[in-house]
N, C-alpha and C. Protein backbone atom coordinates (compact mmCIF):
# COMPACT_ATOMS: atom_id res chain seq x y z
N MET A 1 45.57 52.97 -20.78
CA MET A 1 44.94 51.98 -21.63
C MET A 1 44.70 50.68 -20.88
N ILE A 2 45.71 50.20 -20.16
CA ILE A 2 45.56 48.96 -19.39
C ILE A 2 44.53 49.17 -18.29
N ARG A 3 44.54 50.36 -17.66
CA ARG A 3 43.57 50.66 -16.61
C ARG A 3 42.15 50.62 -17.17
N ALA A 4 41.94 51.22 -18.33
CA ALA A 4 40.61 51.24 -18.94
C ALA A 4 40.15 49.82 -19.26
N PHE A 5 41.06 49.00 -19.82
CA PHE A 5 40.69 47.62 -20.12
C PHE A 5 40.31 46.87 -18.85
N ALA A 6 41.07 47.07 -17.78
CA ALA A 6 40.76 46.39 -16.50
C ALA A 6 39.40 46.83 -15.97
N ILE A 7 39.10 48.12 -16.09
CA ILE A 7 37.79 48.61 -15.64
C ILE A 7 36.69 48.00 -16.50
N TYR A 8 36.87 48.02 -17.81
CA TYR A 8 35.86 47.44 -18.70
C TYR A 8 35.66 45.95 -18.41
N ALA A 9 36.74 45.22 -18.23
CA ALA A 9 36.64 43.78 -17.98
C ALA A 9 35.93 43.51 -16.65
N THR A 10 36.25 44.28 -15.63
CA THR A 10 35.60 44.11 -14.33
C THR A 10 34.13 44.50 -14.42
N ALA A 11 33.84 45.57 -15.14
CA ALA A 11 32.44 45.98 -15.33
C ALA A 11 31.66 44.90 -16.06
N ALA A 12 32.28 44.29 -17.07
CA ALA A 12 31.59 43.22 -17.81
C ALA A 12 31.29 42.05 -16.90
N LEU A 13 32.24 41.65 -16.07
CA LEU A 13 32.01 40.56 -15.13
C LEU A 13 30.87 40.91 -14.18
N ALA A 14 30.87 42.14 -13.68
CA ALA A 14 29.81 42.56 -12.76
C ALA A 14 28.44 42.57 -13.45
N GLU A 15 28.39 43.07 -14.67
CA GLU A 15 27.10 43.12 -15.37
C GLU A 15 26.60 41.71 -15.70
N ILE A 16 27.48 40.88 -16.20
CA ILE A 16 27.08 39.52 -16.56
C ILE A 16 26.62 38.76 -15.32
N ALA A 17 27.35 38.87 -14.24
CA ALA A 17 26.96 38.18 -13.00
C ALA A 17 25.61 38.68 -12.51
N GLY A 18 25.41 39.99 -12.56
CA GLY A 18 24.12 40.55 -12.12
C GLY A 18 22.97 40.08 -12.98
N CYS A 19 23.15 40.11 -14.28
CA CYS A 19 22.10 39.65 -15.18
C CYS A 19 21.88 38.15 -15.06
N PHE A 20 22.98 37.41 -14.85
CA PHE A 20 22.83 35.96 -14.70
C PHE A 20 22.04 35.62 -13.45
N SER A 21 22.16 36.42 -12.40
CA SER A 21 21.39 36.13 -11.18
C SER A 21 19.90 36.18 -11.47
N VAL A 22 19.47 37.15 -12.26
CA VAL A 22 18.05 37.24 -12.64
C VAL A 22 17.68 36.04 -13.52
N TRP A 23 18.52 35.73 -14.49
CA TRP A 23 18.30 34.58 -15.36
C TRP A 23 18.16 33.30 -14.52
N ALA A 24 19.08 33.13 -13.57
CA ALA A 24 19.07 31.92 -12.75
C ALA A 24 17.79 31.81 -11.93
N VAL A 25 17.33 32.93 -11.38
CA VAL A 25 16.09 32.90 -10.58
C VAL A 25 14.89 32.59 -11.47
N LEU A 26 14.80 33.27 -12.59
CA LEU A 26 13.61 33.13 -13.44
C LEU A 26 13.63 31.91 -14.35
N ARG A 27 14.81 31.46 -14.76
CA ARG A 27 14.87 30.37 -15.73
C ARG A 27 15.42 29.07 -15.17
N LEU A 28 16.22 29.15 -14.10
CA LEU A 28 16.86 27.96 -13.56
C LEU A 28 16.38 27.60 -12.16
N SER A 29 15.37 28.29 -11.70
CA SER A 29 14.77 28.05 -10.36
C SER A 29 15.75 28.24 -9.21
N ALA A 30 16.70 29.16 -9.36
CA ALA A 30 17.59 29.49 -8.26
C ALA A 30 16.78 30.21 -7.18
N PRO A 31 17.24 30.18 -5.95
CA PRO A 31 16.51 30.87 -4.88
C PRO A 31 16.47 32.38 -5.12
N SER A 32 15.38 33.01 -4.71
CA SER A 32 15.19 34.43 -4.97
C SER A 32 16.23 35.32 -4.30
N TRP A 33 16.87 34.84 -3.24
CA TRP A 33 17.89 35.67 -2.60
C TRP A 33 19.08 35.90 -3.52
N TRP A 34 19.23 35.13 -4.60
CA TRP A 34 20.28 35.37 -5.57
C TRP A 34 20.16 36.76 -6.20
N LEU A 35 18.96 37.33 -6.15
CA LEU A 35 18.77 38.66 -6.73
C LEU A 35 19.53 39.73 -5.96
N LEU A 36 19.70 39.57 -4.66
CA LEU A 36 20.39 40.59 -3.86
C LEU A 36 21.83 40.81 -4.30
N PRO A 37 22.67 39.77 -4.35
CA PRO A 37 24.02 40.02 -4.86
C PRO A 37 24.02 40.40 -6.34
N GLY A 38 23.01 39.92 -7.06
CA GLY A 38 22.90 40.29 -8.47
C GLY A 38 22.67 41.77 -8.65
N PHE A 39 21.76 42.34 -7.87
CA PHE A 39 21.51 43.77 -7.97
C PHE A 39 22.72 44.58 -7.50
N ALA A 40 23.40 44.11 -6.46
CA ALA A 40 24.62 44.78 -6.01
C ALA A 40 25.69 44.76 -7.12
N SER A 41 25.75 43.65 -7.82
CA SER A 41 26.70 43.53 -8.92
C SER A 41 26.37 44.51 -10.04
N LEU A 42 25.09 44.71 -10.32
CA LEU A 42 24.69 45.66 -11.36
C LEU A 42 25.00 47.10 -10.95
N VAL A 43 24.88 47.40 -9.68
CA VAL A 43 25.25 48.74 -9.20
C VAL A 43 26.77 48.92 -9.36
N ALA A 44 27.53 47.89 -9.02
CA ALA A 44 28.99 47.96 -9.19
C ALA A 44 29.35 48.18 -10.66
N PHE A 45 28.65 47.49 -11.55
CA PHE A 45 28.88 47.65 -12.99
C PHE A 45 28.69 49.11 -13.40
N ALA A 46 27.57 49.70 -12.99
CA ALA A 46 27.28 51.09 -13.37
C ALA A 46 28.34 52.03 -12.80
N TYR A 47 28.74 51.80 -11.56
CA TYR A 47 29.77 52.63 -10.94
C TYR A 47 31.10 52.52 -11.71
N LEU A 48 31.48 51.30 -12.04
CA LEU A 48 32.75 51.09 -12.73
C LEU A 48 32.82 51.86 -14.05
N LEU A 49 31.72 51.92 -14.77
CA LEU A 49 31.76 52.66 -16.03
C LEU A 49 31.97 54.16 -15.83
N THR A 50 31.63 54.68 -14.65
CA THR A 50 31.89 56.10 -14.39
C THR A 50 33.39 56.38 -14.23
N LEU A 51 34.18 55.33 -14.04
CA LEU A 51 35.63 55.50 -13.87
C LEU A 51 36.38 55.60 -15.20
N ILE A 52 35.69 55.35 -16.30
CA ILE A 52 36.32 55.42 -17.62
C ILE A 52 36.52 56.88 -18.01
N GLU A 53 37.74 57.19 -18.45
CA GLU A 53 38.04 58.54 -18.93
C GLU A 53 37.47 58.68 -20.34
N ALA A 54 36.41 59.42 -20.47
CA ALA A 54 35.79 59.65 -21.77
C ALA A 54 35.13 61.01 -21.75
N ASP A 55 35.03 61.62 -22.92
CA ASP A 55 34.40 62.94 -22.99
C ASP A 55 32.88 62.85 -22.97
N ALA A 56 32.33 61.65 -23.17
CA ALA A 56 30.88 61.48 -23.16
C ALA A 56 30.54 60.07 -22.68
N ALA A 57 29.50 59.96 -21.90
CA ALA A 57 29.09 58.66 -21.37
C ALA A 57 28.75 57.70 -22.50
N GLY A 58 28.05 58.18 -23.52
CA GLY A 58 27.66 57.32 -24.62
C GLY A 58 28.85 56.67 -25.31
N ARG A 59 29.94 57.41 -25.44
CA ARG A 59 31.14 56.84 -26.07
C ARG A 59 31.75 55.77 -25.18
N ALA A 60 31.79 56.00 -23.89
CA ALA A 60 32.31 54.99 -22.95
C ALA A 60 31.44 53.74 -23.00
N PHE A 61 30.12 53.92 -23.05
CA PHE A 61 29.20 52.78 -23.09
C PHE A 61 29.33 52.02 -24.40
N ALA A 62 29.48 52.74 -25.51
CA ALA A 62 29.59 52.09 -26.81
C ALA A 62 30.87 51.25 -26.89
N ALA A 63 31.98 51.80 -26.43
CA ALA A 63 33.23 51.06 -26.44
C ALA A 63 33.13 49.83 -25.53
N TYR A 64 32.43 49.97 -24.43
CA TYR A 64 32.24 48.86 -23.50
C TYR A 64 31.50 47.70 -24.16
N GLY A 65 30.63 48.00 -25.10
CA GLY A 65 29.83 46.95 -25.74
C GLY A 65 30.67 45.83 -26.32
N GLY A 66 31.77 46.15 -26.96
CA GLY A 66 32.63 45.12 -27.53
C GLY A 66 33.25 44.23 -26.46
N ILE A 67 33.68 44.85 -25.38
CA ILE A 67 34.27 44.09 -24.27
C ILE A 67 33.20 43.19 -23.66
N TYR A 68 31.99 43.71 -23.50
CA TYR A 68 30.89 42.93 -22.93
C TYR A 68 30.59 41.69 -23.77
N ILE A 69 30.55 41.84 -25.07
CA ILE A 69 30.25 40.71 -25.94
C ILE A 69 31.32 39.63 -25.79
N ALA A 70 32.58 40.01 -25.83
CA ALA A 70 33.66 39.03 -25.67
C ALA A 70 33.61 38.38 -24.29
N ALA A 71 33.38 39.18 -23.25
CA ALA A 71 33.30 38.63 -21.89
C ALA A 71 32.12 37.68 -21.74
N SER A 72 31.03 37.96 -22.43
CA SER A 72 29.86 37.07 -22.38
C SER A 72 30.20 35.69 -22.93
N LEU A 73 31.04 35.64 -23.95
CA LEU A 73 31.44 34.36 -24.50
C LEU A 73 32.39 33.62 -23.57
N VAL A 74 33.22 34.35 -22.85
CA VAL A 74 34.06 33.72 -21.82
C VAL A 74 33.16 33.14 -20.73
N TRP A 75 32.16 33.88 -20.32
CA TRP A 75 31.18 33.41 -19.32
C TRP A 75 30.47 32.15 -19.84
N LEU A 76 30.06 32.19 -21.10
CA LEU A 76 29.39 31.06 -21.72
C LEU A 76 30.21 29.79 -21.54
N ARG A 77 31.50 29.90 -21.77
CA ARG A 77 32.39 28.74 -21.66
C ARG A 77 32.71 28.39 -20.22
N ALA A 78 33.12 29.38 -19.45
CA ALA A 78 33.62 29.12 -18.09
C ALA A 78 32.52 28.76 -17.09
N VAL A 79 31.39 29.42 -17.18
CA VAL A 79 30.34 29.22 -16.18
C VAL A 79 29.25 28.27 -16.67
N GLU A 80 28.84 28.45 -17.92
CA GLU A 80 27.73 27.65 -18.43
C GLU A 80 28.17 26.38 -19.15
N GLY A 81 29.46 26.26 -19.44
CA GLY A 81 29.99 25.05 -20.02
C GLY A 81 29.70 24.83 -21.50
N PHE A 82 29.31 25.89 -22.21
CA PHE A 82 29.08 25.80 -23.65
C PHE A 82 30.28 26.37 -24.40
N HIS A 83 30.63 25.74 -25.50
CA HIS A 83 31.73 26.23 -26.33
C HIS A 83 31.19 27.23 -27.34
N PRO A 84 31.75 28.44 -27.37
CA PRO A 84 31.35 29.38 -28.42
C PRO A 84 31.67 28.78 -29.79
N ASP A 85 30.77 28.99 -30.74
CA ASP A 85 31.03 28.48 -32.09
C ASP A 85 31.72 29.57 -32.92
N ARG A 86 32.01 29.23 -34.17
CA ARG A 86 32.75 30.18 -35.01
C ARG A 86 31.99 31.48 -35.22
N TRP A 87 30.66 31.43 -35.22
CA TRP A 87 29.85 32.63 -35.42
C TRP A 87 29.91 33.51 -34.18
N ASP A 88 29.95 32.89 -33.02
CA ASP A 88 30.13 33.65 -31.77
C ASP A 88 31.47 34.38 -31.81
N ILE A 89 32.51 33.65 -32.19
CA ILE A 89 33.86 34.22 -32.22
C ILE A 89 33.94 35.35 -33.25
N LEU A 90 33.38 35.13 -34.42
CA LEU A 90 33.38 36.17 -35.46
C LEU A 90 32.64 37.42 -34.97
N GLY A 91 31.48 37.22 -34.38
CA GLY A 91 30.72 38.36 -33.87
C GLY A 91 31.48 39.12 -32.80
N ALA A 92 32.14 38.39 -31.90
CA ALA A 92 32.93 39.05 -30.85
C ALA A 92 34.10 39.83 -31.47
N ALA A 93 34.75 39.24 -32.46
CA ALA A 93 35.87 39.92 -33.11
C ALA A 93 35.42 41.21 -33.78
N LEU A 94 34.28 41.14 -34.46
CA LEU A 94 33.76 42.35 -35.10
C LEU A 94 33.39 43.42 -34.06
N SER A 95 32.80 42.99 -32.96
CA SER A 95 32.42 43.97 -31.94
C SER A 95 33.65 44.59 -31.28
N LEU A 96 34.70 43.78 -31.07
CA LEU A 96 35.93 44.33 -30.51
C LEU A 96 36.60 45.29 -31.49
N ALA A 97 36.51 44.99 -32.77
CA ALA A 97 37.04 45.92 -33.77
C ALA A 97 36.28 47.24 -33.71
N GLY A 98 34.97 47.17 -33.58
CA GLY A 98 34.17 48.39 -33.44
C GLY A 98 34.53 49.17 -32.19
N ALA A 99 34.73 48.45 -31.09
CA ALA A 99 35.11 49.12 -29.84
C ALA A 99 36.47 49.80 -30.00
N ALA A 100 37.40 49.14 -30.68
CA ALA A 100 38.73 49.73 -30.89
C ALA A 100 38.64 51.01 -31.73
N ILE A 101 37.78 51.00 -32.74
CA ILE A 101 37.60 52.20 -33.55
C ILE A 101 37.06 53.34 -32.69
N ILE A 102 36.11 53.03 -31.83
CA ILE A 102 35.55 54.06 -30.94
C ILE A 102 36.61 54.58 -29.98
N ILE A 103 37.38 53.68 -29.41
CA ILE A 103 38.38 54.08 -28.40
C ILE A 103 39.55 54.83 -29.04
N PHE A 104 40.07 54.31 -30.14
CA PHE A 104 41.30 54.85 -30.72
C PHE A 104 41.10 55.79 -31.89
N GLY A 105 39.87 55.99 -32.32
CA GLY A 105 39.62 56.87 -33.45
C GLY A 105 40.08 58.29 -33.16
N PRO A 106 40.66 58.95 -34.16
CA PRO A 106 41.13 60.33 -33.94
C PRO A 106 39.94 61.26 -33.70
N ARG A 107 40.10 62.14 -32.74
CA ARG A 107 39.08 63.10 -32.38
C ARG A 107 39.66 64.50 -32.48
N PRO A 108 38.85 65.46 -32.90
CA PRO A 108 39.34 66.84 -32.89
C PRO A 108 39.70 67.29 -31.46
N ALA A 109 40.72 68.07 -31.34
CA ALA A 109 41.18 68.52 -30.01
C ALA A 109 40.24 69.49 -29.38
């Protein structure tokens, strides 16, 4: 369980960083070379999700969604300097609850 959370958290950081590199180039006038580490980060994100023990890729991706939403709000605060509001927090909590249902829901053997 701790291993899966660490993989999901690292994958979220990799995905957010990769997407932010494109955002920075197109919206913040960052130099175009920022795309190179950004694309490498996106490849790392995709690889990391293959390390999740799941019976189906879609289930691993769906559970990851909740972690991604929460990590995006951490990024919002830590990197972009914006404070998440109560609606951000509520949305993240609901998405994490959904991820928990996907991860811990009973499945037929």
